[in-house]
Protein backbone atom coordinates (compact mmCIF):
# COMPACT_ATOMS: atom_id res chain seq x y z
CA UNK A 1 118.93 -88.95 -89.23
CA UNK A 2 115.83 -90.71 -88.00
CA UNK A 3 116.34 -89.29 -84.50
CA UNK A 4 116.70 -85.79 -85.93
CA UNK A 5 113.33 -85.99 -87.66
CA UNK A 6 111.68 -87.31 -84.51
CA UNK A 7 113.28 -84.53 -82.44
CA UNK A 8 112.07 -81.87 -84.88
CA UNK A 9 108.54 -83.28 -84.76
CA UNK A 10 108.50 -83.24 -80.96
CA UNK A 11 109.90 -79.69 -80.92
CA UNK A 12 107.28 -78.49 -83.41
CA UNK A 13 104.50 -80.21 -81.45
CA UNK A 14 105.67 -78.73 -78.14
CA UNK A 15 106.11 -75.22 -79.50
CA UNK A 16 102.78 -75.45 -81.32
CA UNK A 17 101.01 -76.45 -78.12
CA UNK A 18 102.63 -73.66 -76.11
CA UNK A 19 101.85 -70.95 -78.65
CA UNK A 20 98.37 -72.34 -79.26
CA UNK A 21 97.58 -72.19 -75.55
CA UNK A 22 99.01 -68.67 -75.35
CA UNK A 23 96.76 -67.59 -78.23
CA UNK A 24 93.78 -69.26 -76.54
CA UNK A 25 94.50 -67.44 -73.26
CA UNK A 26 94.92 -64.17 -75.11
CA UNK A 27 91.54 -64.60 -76.77
CA UNK A 28 89.94 -65.61 -73.47
CA UNK A 29 91.35 -62.55 -71.68
CA UNK A 30 90.18 -60.27 -74.49
CA UNK A 31 86.69 -61.75 -74.22
CA UNK A 32 86.65 -61.33 -70.43
CA UNK A 33 87.79 -57.72 -70.73
CA UNK A 34 84.97 -56.95 -73.16
CA UNK A 35 82.37 -58.31 -70.74
CA UNK A 36 84.04 -56.78 -67.68
CA UNK A 37 84.25 -53.22 -69.04
CA UNK A 38 82.60 -50.67 -66.74
CA UNK A 39 79.44 -49.09 -68.13
CA UNK A 40 79.88 -45.66 -69.66
CA UNK A 41 78.02 -43.24 -67.40
CA UNK A 42 78.07 -39.50 -66.95
CA UNK A 43 80.25 -38.19 -64.10
CA UNK A 44 78.49 -37.65 -60.82
CA UNK A 45 77.22 -34.08 -60.47
CA UNK A 46 77.89 -34.07 -56.71
CA UNK A 47 81.60 -34.67 -57.30
CA UNK A 48 81.86 -31.55 -59.43
CA UNK A 49 80.31 -29.29 -56.80
CA UNK A 50 82.49 -30.42 -53.90
CA UNK A 51 83.75 -27.46 -51.88
CA UNK A 52 87.41 -26.55 -52.32
CA UNK A 53 89.71 -26.90 -49.32
CA UNK A 54 91.66 -24.01 -47.91
CA UNK A 55 95.29 -24.11 -49.18
CA UNK A 56 96.55 -23.97 -45.57
CA UNK A 57 94.55 -27.11 -44.75
CA UNK A 58 95.93 -28.88 -47.81
CA UNK A 59 99.48 -27.90 -46.81
CA UNK A 60 98.93 -29.15 -43.25
CA UNK A 61 97.59 -32.47 -44.50
CA UNK A 62 100.55 -32.84 -46.87
CA UNK A 63 103.07 -32.16 -44.11
CA UNK A 64 101.33 -34.63 -41.77
CA UNK A 65 101.29 -37.38 -44.42
CA UNK A 66 104.97 -36.85 -45.29
CA UNK A 67 106.02 -36.83 -41.61
CA UNK A 68 104.03 -40.00 -40.97
CA UNK A 69 105.65 -41.71 -43.97
CA UNK A 70 109.14 -40.73 -42.82
CA UNK A 71 108.45 -42.05 -39.32
CA UNK A 72 107.03 -45.33 -40.63
CA UNK A 73 109.98 -45.76 -43.00
CA UNK A 74 112.42 -45.34 -40.12
CA UNK A 75 110.58 -48.00 -38.13
CA UNK A 76 110.13 -50.39 -41.05
CA UNK A 77 111.69 -53.79 -41.42
CA UNK A 78 114.76 -53.99 -43.66
CA UNK A 79 112.63 -55.31 -46.54
CA UNK A 80 110.62 -52.08 -46.61
CA UNK A 81 113.47 -49.58 -46.46
CA UNK A 82 114.55 -47.61 -49.49
CA UNK A 83 118.24 -48.24 -48.76
CA UNK A 84 119.70 -51.06 -46.70
CA UNK A 85 121.39 -49.89 -43.51
CA UNK A 86 124.97 -48.99 -44.28
CA UNK A 87 124.53 -49.34 -48.03
CA UNK A 88 125.22 -45.69 -48.69
CA UNK A 89 128.33 -45.46 -46.53
CA UNK A 90 129.83 -48.95 -46.69
CA UNK A 91 129.26 -50.93 -49.84
CA UNK A 92 129.49 -54.71 -49.82
CA UNK A 93 132.82 -56.31 -50.64
CA UNK A 94 131.60 -57.34 -54.11
CA UNK A 95 130.46 -53.82 -54.97
CA UNK A 96 133.64 -52.28 -53.57
CA UNK A 97 135.80 -54.69 -55.58
CA UNK A 98 133.90 -53.87 -58.78
CA UNK A 99 134.22 -50.14 -58.16
CA UNK A 100 137.94 -50.55 -57.53
CA UNK A 101 138.39 -52.39 -60.83
CA UNK A 102 136.41 -49.76 -62.72
CA UNK A 103 138.26 -46.82 -61.20
CA UNK A 104 141.77 -48.11 -61.95
CA UNK A 105 142.99 -47.61 -65.47
CA UNK A 106 143.74 -50.68 -67.50
CA UNK A 107 147.37 -51.75 -67.53
CA UNK A 108 148.94 -54.27 -69.83
CA UNK A 109 150.24 -57.45 -68.23
CA UNK A 110 147.94 -57.52 -65.22
């Protein structure tokens, strides 16, 4: 019973230190955010009077950006691809086995 009391004291001390430090960090971050807030200024008047672009120019820029992204994605390393090569056509053995188990109805005695 003596060891249980000592263990509870150590647990309470450890948890108290962890949560105390978390509260201290929370307060510190709140204080930093208050001092780091950007000053409230009126929006720049020049930004409001910027000339509008022709819709054809906007469409051309959009097409160029999308084509460039598609080309870069095709040339990217495997870590940057959306899907791993072959992942859409040939699933790994683990995934295929799981799909097989899910697609077969449950039978008693298996």
